[in-house]
Every structure is written in C-alpha cells, then in structure tokens.
Amino acid sequence: MQCPKCQSIADDFHTSSGETLNFCRSCKGLWFDREELVRYCQAEQTMLDVLSRLDSAPPTSFHCPRCTDTSLVLCHS
C-alpha cells in the first residue's frame, strides 16, 4: 500500500492479536482497515481510550488509500 501522507510504501505490521495493519516506516503512519481498529482494541483492552481520542481527533487533508471518499484523522498516543 502507498502511504497517503508521504507516498512511501507502507509495510504490513502483524500485531500480537493477529491483526495485519499497515505501517509506514518513513512517516510512522499506522492504518487500520474497517473493523480492524475495533477488533484490535477489543483484543488489547484499550477500546475506550482509543475511541475517546478519535472523538476529538482533527481531520487531515489525507484520504484513505483504499476508499478515497474517507478522510483520515490524526490520533496521537
């Protein structure tokens, strides 16, 4: 997958819970496909924390590389 932010190639990143995420080594971006975030957070017991951050996450000018009608948000840990 091509990173929507810096255009580098994003690698697959395999979590301990079995999810395969996309990670850009260049800009450190991490992408979850639809439902991956929910499954990952349930497995990691961090869903409420992540969801509370998403509610206040500012939108970016970047679009999802798979569904271009969806804008990405910026969520820091």
C-alpha atoms as a PDB file:
ATOM      1  CA  MET A   1       0.000   0.000   0.000  1.00  0.00           C
ATOM      2  CA  GLN A   2       1.206   3.520  -0.742  1.00  0.00           C
ATOM      3  CA  CYS A   3       1.222   5.869   2.262  1.00  0.00           C
ATOM      4  CA  PRO A   4      -1.358   8.639   1.744  1.00  0.00           C
ATOM      5  CA  LYS A   5       0.820  11.125   3.626  1.00  0.00           C
ATOM      6  CA  CYS A   6       4.357  10.733   2.282  1.00  0.00           C
ATOM      7  CA  GLN A   7       3.791   8.392  -0.684  1.00  0.00           C
ATOM      8  CA  SER A   8       6.283   5.791   0.621  1.00  0.00           C
ATOM      9  CA  ILE A   9       5.392   2.121   0.563  1.00  0.00           C
ATOM     10  CA  ALA A  10       3.658   1.057   3.787  1.00  0.00           C
ATOM     11  CA  ASP A  11       4.551  -2.383   5.134  1.00  0.00           C
ATOM     12  CA  ASP A  12       2.302  -4.948   6.740  1.00  0.00           C
ATOM     13  CA  PHE A  13       2.564  -4.967  10.528  1.00  0.00           C
ATOM     14  CA  HIS A  14       1.310  -8.058  12.361  1.00  0.00           C
ATOM     15  CA  THR A  15       0.007  -7.493  15.886  1.00  0.00           C
ATOM     16  CA  SER A  16       0.120  -9.995  18.734  1.00  0.00           C
ATOM     17  CA  SER A  17      -3.676 -10.255  18.463  1.00  0.00           C
ATOM     18  CA  GLY A  18      -3.455 -11.452  14.854  1.00  0.00           C
ATOM     19  CA  GLU A  19      -4.436  -8.243  13.039  1.00  0.00           C
ATOM     20  CA  THR A  20      -2.462  -7.136   9.985  1.00  0.00           C
ATOM     21  CA  LEU A  21      -2.107  -3.360   9.925  1.00  0.00           C
ATOM     22  CA  ASN A  22      -0.294  -1.069   7.503  1.00  0.00           C
ATOM     23  CA  PHE A  23       2.714   0.860   8.824  1.00  0.00           C
ATOM     24  CA  CYS A  24       4.820   3.485   7.058  1.00  0.00           C
ATOM     25  CA  ARG A  25       8.418   3.369   8.232  1.00  0.00           C
ATOM     26  CA  SER A  26       9.079   6.765   6.678  1.00  0.00           C
ATOM     27  CA  CYS A  27       6.480   8.930   8.475  1.00  0.00           C
ATOM     28  CA  LYS A  28       5.442   6.377  11.147  1.00  0.00           C
ATOM     29  CA  GLY A  29       1.805   6.321   9.992  1.00  0.00           C
ATOM     30  CA  LEU A  30      -0.345   3.365  11.052  1.00  0.00           C
ATOM     31  CA  TRP A  31      -3.583   2.458   9.252  1.00  0.00           C
ATOM     32  CA  PHE A  32      -6.461   0.276  10.306  1.00  0.00           C
ATOM     33  CA  ASP A  33      -8.925  -1.035   7.738  1.00  0.00           C
ATOM     34  CA  ARG A  34     -12.644  -1.014   8.519  1.00  0.00           C
ATOM     35  CA  GLU A  35     -13.326  -3.025  11.698  1.00  0.00           C
ATOM     36  CA  GLU A  36      -9.606  -3.696  12.334  1.00  0.00           C
ATOM     37  CA  LEU A  37      -9.470  -0.943  14.939  1.00  0.00           C
ATOM     38  CA  VAL A  38     -12.417  -2.416  16.825  1.00  0.00           C
ATOM     39  CA  ARG A  39     -11.002  -5.962  16.757  1.00  0.00           C
ATOM     40  CA  TYR A  40      -7.528  -4.743  17.735  1.00  0.00           C
ATOM     41  CA  CYS A  41      -8.787  -2.654  20.623  1.00  0.00           C
ATOM     42  CA  GLN A  42     -11.034  -5.416  21.925  1.00  0.00           C
ATOM     43  CA  ALA A  43      -8.100  -7.799  21.900  1.00  0.00           C
ATOM     44  CA  GLU A  44      -5.812  -5.242  23.531  1.00  0.00           C
ATOM     45  CA  GLN A  45      -8.394  -3.965  26.069  1.00  0.00           C
ATOM     46  CA  THR A  46      -7.850  -0.345  25.015  1.00  0.00           C
ATOM     47  CA  MET A  47     -11.003   0.406  23.042  1.00  0.00           C
ATOM     48  CA  LEU A  48     -12.450   3.126  25.300  1.00  0.00           C
ATOM     49  CA  ASP A  49      -9.164   5.008  25.397  1.00  0.00           C
ATOM     50  CA  VAL A  50      -8.719   4.887  21.619  1.00  0.00           C
ATOM     51  CA  LEU A  51     -12.342   5.763  20.882  1.00  0.00           C
ATOM     52  CA  SER A  52     -12.193   8.771  23.213  1.00  0.00           C
ATOM     53  CA  ARG A  53      -9.152  10.022  21.290  1.00  0.00           C
ATOM     54  CA  LEU A  54     -10.888   9.506  17.962  1.00  0.00           C
ATOM     55  CA  ASP A  55     -13.826  11.664  19.032  1.00  0.00           C
ATOM     56  CA  SER A  56     -11.529  14.669  19.344  1.00  0.00           C
ATOM     57  CA  ALA A  57      -9.066  13.741  16.577  1.00  0.00           C
ATOM     58  CA  PRO A  58      -8.727  16.505  13.994  1.00  0.00           C
ATOM     59  CA  PRO A  59      -9.362  15.560  10.371  1.00  0.00           C
ATOM     60  CA  THR A  60      -6.485  15.686   7.933  1.00  0.00           C
ATOM     61  CA  SER A  61      -6.306  16.534   4.255  1.00  0.00           C
ATOM     62  CA  PHE A  62      -5.297  12.923   3.545  1.00  0.00           C
ATOM     63  CA  HIS A  63      -7.710  10.374   2.139  1.00  0.00           C
ATOM     64  CA  CYS A  64      -7.875   6.672   2.797  1.00  0.00           C
ATOM     65  CA  PRO A  65      -5.764   4.860   0.187  1.00  0.00           C
ATOM     66  CA  ARG A  66      -8.476   2.219  -0.210  1.00  0.00           C
ATOM     67  CA  CYS A  67     -11.669   4.307  -0.019  1.00  0.00           C
ATOM     68  CA  THR A  68     -10.900   7.793  -1.309  1.00  0.00           C
ATOM     69  CA  ASP A  69     -14.184   9.274  -0.065  1.00  0.00           C
ATOM     70  CA  THR A  70     -12.982   8.857   3.550  1.00  0.00           C
ATOM     71  CA  SER A  71     -10.672  11.395   5.209  1.00  0.00           C
ATOM     72  CA  LEU A  72      -8.094  10.256   7.733  1.00  0.00           C
ATOM     73  CA  VAL A  73      -7.904  11.676  11.262  1.00  0.00           C
ATOM     74  CA  LEU A  74      -4.825  12.428  13.336  1.00  0.00           C
ATOM     75  CA  CYS A  75      -4.748  10.457  16.570  1.00  0.00           C
ATOM     76  CA  HIS A  76      -1.697  10.696  18.850  1.00  0.00           C
ATOM     77  CA  SER A  77      -0.952   8.417  21.746  1.00  0.00           C
END
